[in-house]
Every structure is written in structure tokens, then in C-alpha cells.
Amino acid sequence: MNTLSTGMPSTLGSYLTICNMFFGEESVQAKFIREKIASNPNGADEEVIAEESQMMYLLFNLPTEGTEEMKALLQ
């Protein structure tokens, strides 16, 4: 399993921790990751195989809540 620059494993749970710290627990980013955790059989332990830089780009560029783009991502 890959390790993030923070030393944490590259899992959905680690990205949720990062989202909570940087964006807040009620942020669009944290909600997006929580939705992925809920829909995955491995939950927070699911390995993320995307490069860390790609994941951070995705999280920083998520559409704002309530937009059609965000609704489509959460489906």
C-alpha cells in the first residue's frame, strides 16, 4: 500500500482525516469522501490508488455544494 506524504496509508479514511483538518468536517470535500466510504465494502480502509497530487487536486477543485456538478458526483 502506498503511503501519503503525511505518513498515513493511502486510504479513504486517511483522506477523510485530511479533509476534516484542512476543509472542516462539514465541508463538501469531507462529505464527498464520507459518501465514497459509505458506498465501499471496505469502508475507510479502502486503498486509494490515485497519486496523492491527483487526489489533492480533486479535493481542492470540487464544485460547491448544491450545484448540479456536485449532485452528480454524490450519486
C-alpha atoms as a PDB file:
ATOM      1  CA  MET A   1       0.000   0.000   0.000  1.00  0.00           C
ATOM      2  CA  ASN A   2       1.213   3.495  -0.809  1.00  0.00           C
ATOM      3  CA  THR A   3       1.928   5.995   1.933  1.00  0.00           C
ATOM      4  CA  LEU A   4       0.892   9.646   1.806  1.00  0.00           C
ATOM      5  CA  SER A   5       3.328  12.486   2.445  1.00  0.00           C
ATOM      6  CA  THR A   6       1.817  12.728   5.941  1.00  0.00           C
ATOM      7  CA  GLY A   7       2.967   9.177   6.705  1.00  0.00           C
ATOM      8  CA  MET A   8      -0.603   7.837   6.698  1.00  0.00           C
ATOM      9  CA  PRO A   9      -1.614   4.960   4.410  1.00  0.00           C
ATOM     10  CA  SER A  10      -3.313   5.908   1.158  1.00  0.00           C
ATOM     11  CA  THR A  11      -6.875   5.035   2.208  1.00  0.00           C
ATOM     12  CA  LEU A  12     -10.248   6.740   2.103  1.00  0.00           C
ATOM     13  CA  GLY A  13     -10.044   7.098   5.883  1.00  0.00           C
ATOM     14  CA  SER A  14      -6.763   8.978   5.629  1.00  0.00           C
ATOM     15  CA  TYR A  15      -8.218  11.329   3.034  1.00  0.00           C
ATOM     16  CA  LEU A  16     -11.218  11.908   5.292  1.00  0.00           C
ATOM     17  CA  THR A  17      -8.841  12.871   8.108  1.00  0.00           C
ATOM     18  CA  ILE A  18      -7.064  15.284   5.767  1.00  0.00           C
ATOM     19  CA  CYS A  19     -10.378  16.786   4.616  1.00  0.00           C
ATOM     20  CA  ASN A  20     -11.544  17.246   8.196  1.00  0.00           C
ATOM     21  CA  MET A  21      -8.299  19.001   9.142  1.00  0.00           C
ATOM     22  CA  PHE A  22      -7.983  21.281   6.120  1.00  0.00           C
ATOM     23  CA  PHE A  23     -11.549  21.888   4.990  1.00  0.00           C
ATOM     24  CA  GLY A  24     -13.664  21.067   8.063  1.00  0.00           C
ATOM     25  CA  GLU A  25     -15.938  18.177   8.937  1.00  0.00           C
ATOM     26  CA  GLU A  26     -18.946  19.717   7.170  1.00  0.00           C
ATOM     27  CA  SER A  27     -17.064  20.661   4.007  1.00  0.00           C
ATOM     28  CA  VAL A  28     -18.020  19.453   0.550  1.00  0.00           C
ATOM     29  CA  GLN A  29     -14.729  17.577   0.421  1.00  0.00           C
ATOM     30  CA  ALA A  30     -15.385  15.655   3.658  1.00  0.00           C
ATOM     31  CA  LYS A  31     -18.943  14.854   2.561  1.00  0.00           C
ATOM     32  CA  PHE A  32     -17.623  13.548  -0.772  1.00  0.00           C
ATOM     33  CA  ILE A  33     -15.131  11.224   0.938  1.00  0.00           C
ATOM     34  CA  ARG A  34     -17.733  10.070   3.502  1.00  0.00           C
ATOM     35  CA  GLU A  35     -20.059   9.162   0.622  1.00  0.00           C
ATOM     36  CA  LYS A  36     -17.288   7.124  -1.003  1.00  0.00           C
ATOM     37  CA  ILE A  37     -16.616   5.372   2.312  1.00  0.00           C
ATOM     38  CA  ALA A  38     -20.314   4.573   2.767  1.00  0.00           C
ATOM     39  CA  SER A  39     -20.631   3.104  -0.726  1.00  0.00           C
ATOM     40  CA  ASN A  40     -17.485   0.975  -0.491  1.00  0.00           C
ATOM     41  CA  PRO A  41     -17.479  -2.531   1.012  1.00  0.00           C
ATOM     42  CA  ASN A  42     -14.078  -1.905   2.651  1.00  0.00           C
ATOM     43  CA  GLY A  43     -15.219   1.434   4.054  1.00  0.00           C
ATOM     44  CA  ALA A  44     -12.498   3.729   5.334  1.00  0.00           C
ATOM     45  CA  ASP A  45      -9.857   1.027   4.805  1.00  0.00           C
ATOM     46  CA  GLU A  46     -10.249   1.061   1.014  1.00  0.00           C
ATOM     47  CA  GLU A  47      -6.919   1.784  -0.644  1.00  0.00           C
ATOM     48  CA  VAL A  48      -6.756   4.838  -2.908  1.00  0.00           C
ATOM     49  CA  ILE A  49      -4.522   4.051  -5.865  1.00  0.00           C
ATOM     50  CA  ALA A  50      -4.572   7.544  -7.368  1.00  0.00           C
ATOM     51  CA  GLU A  51      -1.481   9.667  -6.853  1.00  0.00           C
ATOM     52  CA  GLU A  52      -1.675  11.959  -3.839  1.00  0.00           C
ATOM     53  CA  SER A  53      -1.263  15.036  -6.051  1.00  0.00           C
ATOM     54  CA  GLN A  54      -4.251  13.964  -8.157  1.00  0.00           C
ATOM     55  CA  MET A  55      -6.406  13.408  -5.091  1.00  0.00           C
ATOM     56  CA  MET A  56      -5.469  16.789  -3.638  1.00  0.00           C
ATOM     57  CA  TYR A  57      -6.261  18.445  -6.979  1.00  0.00           C
ATOM     58  CA  LEU A  58      -9.664  16.724  -6.983  1.00  0.00           C
ATOM     59  CA  LEU A  59     -10.448  17.761  -3.416  1.00  0.00           C
ATOM     60  CA  PHE A  60      -9.395  21.378  -3.899  1.00  0.00           C
ATOM     61  CA  ASN A  61     -11.449  21.663  -7.091  1.00  0.00           C
ATOM     62  CA  LEU A  62     -14.720  20.044  -6.040  1.00  0.00           C
ATOM     63  CA  PRO A  63     -17.733  22.120  -7.066  1.00  0.00           C
ATOM     64  CA  THR A  64     -19.571  23.954  -4.335  1.00  0.00           C
ATOM     65  CA  GLU A  65     -22.437  22.192  -2.618  1.00  0.00           C
ATOM     66  CA  GLY A  66     -25.818  22.478  -4.276  1.00  0.00           C
ATOM     67  CA  THR A  67     -24.509  22.767  -7.828  1.00  0.00           C
ATOM     68  CA  GLU A  68     -25.506  20.231 -10.445  1.00  0.00           C
ATOM     69  CA  GLU A  69     -21.884  19.093 -10.725  1.00  0.00           C
ATOM     70  CA  MET A  70     -21.748  18.256  -7.016  1.00  0.00           C
ATOM     71  CA  LYS A  71     -25.098  16.451  -7.126  1.00  0.00           C
ATOM     72  CA  ALA A  72     -23.783  14.310  -9.994  1.00  0.00           C
ATOM     73  CA  LEU A  73     -20.598  13.453  -8.056  1.00  0.00           C
ATOM     74  CA  LEU A  74     -22.537  12.314  -4.999  1.00  0.00           C
ATOM     75  CA  GLN A  75     -24.747   9.925  -6.967  1.00  0.00           C
END
